[in-house]
Amino acid sequence: MMAERKMSLNRLSEIVGITPANLSILKNENGKAIRFTTLNALCKALQCQPGDLLEYIEDHEQSAE
């Protein structure tokens, strides 16, 4: 979405109010959780829906229980 909107990580960080490091963690799919307020701010800044940013991936460790 950032590329489609021609927005840099640093600029999005400024708009959303989270550090570039934390935004990078989310961007690189290394985050374990996201606050709804952060998701809301990202969607507002990028003019998109949550489904444009999130993808469900089954956790195989938990599904084996």
N, C-alpha and C. Protein backbone atom coordinates (compact mmCIF):
# COMPACT_ATOMS: atom_id res chain seq x y z
N MET A 1 0.83 -1.19 0.00
CA MET A 1 0.00 0.00 0.00
C MET A 1 0.87 1.26 0.00
N MET A 2 2.00 1.18 0.68
CA MET A 2 2.89 2.35 0.71
C MET A 2 3.38 2.67 -0.69
N ALA A 3 3.75 1.66 -1.43
CA ALA A 3 4.25 1.88 -2.79
C ALA A 3 3.15 2.44 -3.68
N GLU A 4 1.94 1.89 -3.54
CA GLU A 4 0.82 2.39 -4.34
C GLU A 4 0.53 3.86 -4.04
N ARG A 5 0.72 4.24 -2.79
CA ARG A 5 0.45 5.62 -2.38
C ARG A 5 1.68 6.52 -2.50
N LYS A 6 2.79 5.91 -2.94
CA LYS A 6 4.07 6.64 -3.09
C LYS A 6 4.44 7.34 -1.79
N MET A 7 4.39 6.56 -0.69
CA MET A 7 4.68 7.11 0.62
C MET A 7 5.86 6.37 1.24
N SER A 8 6.80 7.11 1.75
CA SER A 8 7.98 6.50 2.38
C SER A 8 7.64 6.02 3.79
N LEU A 9 8.47 5.14 4.29
CA LEU A 9 8.31 4.62 5.64
C LEU A 9 8.39 5.77 6.64
N ASN A 10 9.34 6.67 6.44
CA ASN A 10 9.50 7.79 7.37
C ASN A 10 8.29 8.72 7.35
N ARG A 11 7.75 9.00 6.19
CA ARG A 11 6.59 9.87 6.09
C ARG A 11 5.37 9.22 6.76
N LEU A 12 5.15 7.93 6.49
CA LEU A 12 4.04 7.22 7.11
C LEU A 12 4.22 7.20 8.63
N SER A 13 5.42 7.02 9.09
CA SER A 13 5.72 7.04 10.51
C SER A 13 5.33 8.37 11.14
N GLU A 14 5.64 9.46 10.46
CA GLU A 14 5.27 10.79 10.96
C GLU A 14 3.76 10.96 11.04
N ILE A 15 3.06 10.52 10.02
CA ILE A 15 1.60 10.67 9.96
C ILE A 15 0.92 9.83 11.03
N VAL A 16 1.37 8.59 11.18
CA VAL A 16 0.72 7.64 12.07
C VAL A 16 1.14 7.85 13.53
N GLY A 17 2.35 8.33 13.74
CA GLY A 17 2.81 8.58 15.10
C GLY A 17 3.47 7.40 15.77
N ILE A 18 4.07 6.51 14.98
CA ILE A 18 4.86 5.43 15.56
C ILE A 18 6.26 5.52 14.96
N THR A 19 7.22 4.92 15.63
CA THR A 19 8.60 5.04 15.19
C THR A 19 8.80 4.29 13.87
N PRO A 20 9.76 4.75 13.07
CA PRO A 20 10.08 4.02 11.84
C PRO A 20 10.47 2.57 12.13
N ALA A 21 11.15 2.34 13.24
CA ALA A 21 11.56 0.97 13.59
C ALA A 21 10.34 0.08 13.82
N ASN A 22 9.36 0.57 14.58
CA ASN A 22 8.15 -0.23 14.83
C ASN A 22 7.33 -0.40 13.56
N LEU A 23 7.28 0.61 12.74
CA LEU A 23 6.56 0.51 11.47
C LEU A 23 7.25 -0.50 10.56
N SER A 24 8.56 -0.52 10.58
CA SER A 24 9.32 -1.47 9.78
C SER A 24 9.04 -2.91 10.22
N ILE A 25 8.90 -3.13 11.51
CA ILE A 25 8.57 -4.46 12.02
C ILE A 25 7.23 -4.92 11.45
N LEU A 26 6.25 -4.03 11.44
CA LEU A 26 4.94 -4.37 10.88
C LEU A 26 5.04 -4.61 9.38
N LYS A 27 5.78 -3.75 8.70
CA LYS A 27 5.91 -3.84 7.24
C LYS A 27 6.57 -5.15 6.81
N ASN A 28 7.53 -5.60 7.59
CA ASN A 28 8.27 -6.82 7.25
C ASN A 28 7.66 -8.08 7.83
N GLU A 29 6.41 -7.96 8.31
CA GLU A 29 5.65 -9.11 8.82
C GLU A 29 6.31 -9.79 10.01
N ASN A 30 7.00 -9.01 10.85
CA ASN A 30 7.64 -9.56 12.04
C ASN A 30 6.87 -9.22 13.31
N GLY A 31 5.81 -8.46 13.19
CA GLY A 31 5.02 -8.08 14.36
C GLY A 31 4.16 -9.23 14.85
N LYS A 32 3.94 -9.27 16.14
CA LYS A 32 3.09 -10.31 16.73
C LYS A 32 1.70 -9.78 17.02
N ALA A 33 1.56 -8.45 17.09
CA ALA A 33 0.27 -7.84 17.41
C ALA A 33 0.25 -6.42 16.88
N ILE A 34 -0.95 -5.88 16.76
CA ILE A 34 -1.11 -4.49 16.36
C ILE A 34 -2.30 -3.91 17.11
N ARG A 35 -2.15 -2.72 17.61
CA ARG A 35 -3.26 -2.05 18.30
C ARG A 35 -4.26 -1.59 17.26
N PHE A 36 -5.53 -1.63 17.64
CA PHE A 36 -6.57 -1.16 16.74
C PHE A 36 -6.38 0.31 16.40
N THR A 37 -5.88 1.09 17.34
CA THR A 37 -5.64 2.51 17.07
C THR A 37 -4.55 2.68 16.01
N THR A 38 -3.54 1.83 16.04
CA THR A 38 -2.47 1.88 15.04
C THR A 38 -3.01 1.45 13.68
N LEU A 39 -3.79 0.37 13.66
CA LEU A 39 -4.39 -0.11 12.42
C LEU A 39 -5.29 0.96 11.83
N ASN A 40 -6.07 1.61 12.67
CA ASN A 40 -6.95 2.68 12.23
C ASN A 40 -6.14 3.83 11.62
N ALA A 41 -5.07 4.22 12.29
CA ALA A 41 -4.23 5.31 11.79
C ALA A 41 -3.57 4.95 10.46
N LEU A 42 -3.12 3.70 10.33
CA LEU A 42 -2.52 3.25 9.07
C LEU A 42 -3.54 3.28 7.93
N CYS A 43 -4.73 2.78 8.20
CA CYS A 43 -5.79 2.77 7.18
C CYS A 43 -6.16 4.19 6.77
N LYS A 44 -6.24 5.07 7.74
CA LYS A 44 -6.57 6.47 7.44
C LYS A 44 -5.48 7.12 6.59
N ALA A 45 -4.22 6.91 6.99
CA ALA A 45 -3.10 7.52 6.27
C ALA A 45 -2.95 6.97 4.85
N LEU A 46 -3.22 5.67 4.69
CA LEU A 46 -3.04 5.02 3.39
C LEU A 46 -4.34 4.95 2.59
N GLN A 47 -5.43 5.44 3.19
CA GLN A 47 -6.75 5.43 2.55
C GLN A 47 -7.09 4.02 2.04
N CYS A 48 -7.09 3.08 2.99
CA CYS A 48 -7.37 1.69 2.64
C CYS A 48 -8.18 1.04 3.73
N GLN A 49 -8.50 -0.22 3.56
CA GLN A 49 -9.23 -1.02 4.52
C GLN A 49 -8.26 -1.95 5.24
N PRO A 50 -8.60 -2.41 6.46
CA PRO A 50 -7.71 -3.32 7.18
C PRO A 50 -7.31 -4.55 6.36
N GLY A 51 -8.23 -5.08 5.58
CA GLY A 51 -7.93 -6.24 4.76
C GLY A 51 -6.87 -5.99 3.69
N ASP A 52 -6.65 -4.72 3.37
CA ASP A 52 -5.58 -4.38 2.43
C ASP A 52 -4.21 -4.50 3.07
N LEU A 53 -4.17 -4.49 4.40
CA LEU A 53 -2.91 -4.53 5.13
C LEU A 53 -2.64 -5.85 5.82
N LEU A 54 -3.70 -6.60 6.14
CA LEU A 54 -3.57 -7.82 6.92
C LEU A 54 -3.87 -9.06 6.10
N GLU A 55 -3.20 -10.13 6.47
CA GLU A 55 -3.44 -11.44 5.85
C GLU A 55 -3.44 -12.47 6.96
N TYR A 56 -4.43 -13.35 6.97
CA TYR A 56 -4.49 -14.42 7.96
C TYR A 56 -3.57 -15.55 7.52
N ILE A 57 -2.67 -15.94 8.42
CA ILE A 57 -1.79 -17.08 8.19
C ILE A 57 -1.92 -17.98 9.41
N GLU A 58 -2.37 -19.20 9.20
CA GLU A 58 -2.59 -20.13 10.31
C GLU A 58 -1.28 -20.42 11.02
N ASP A 59 -1.34 -20.41 12.33
CA ASP A 59 -0.19 -20.75 13.17
C ASP A 59 -0.19 -22.26 13.35
N HIS A 60 0.74 -22.94 12.71
CA HIS A 60 0.76 -24.41 12.72
C HIS A 60 1.05 -24.98 14.09
N GLU A 61 1.78 -24.26 14.94
CA GLU A 61 2.07 -24.75 16.28
C GLU A 61 0.80 -24.82 17.11
N GLN A 62 -0.05 -23.81 17.04
CA GLN A 62 -1.28 -23.80 17.82
C GLN A 62 -2.33 -24.74 17.24
N SER A 63 -2.36 -24.92 15.93
CA SER A 63 -3.39 -25.76 15.32
C SER A 63 -3.13 -27.24 15.60
N ALA A 64 -1.91 -27.61 16.00
CA ALA A 64 -1.59 -29.00 16.27
C ALA A 64 -2.06 -29.43 17.66
N GLU A 65 -2.46 -28.47 18.50
CA GLU A 65 -2.87 -28.81 19.87
C GLU A 65 -4.21 -29.47 19.92
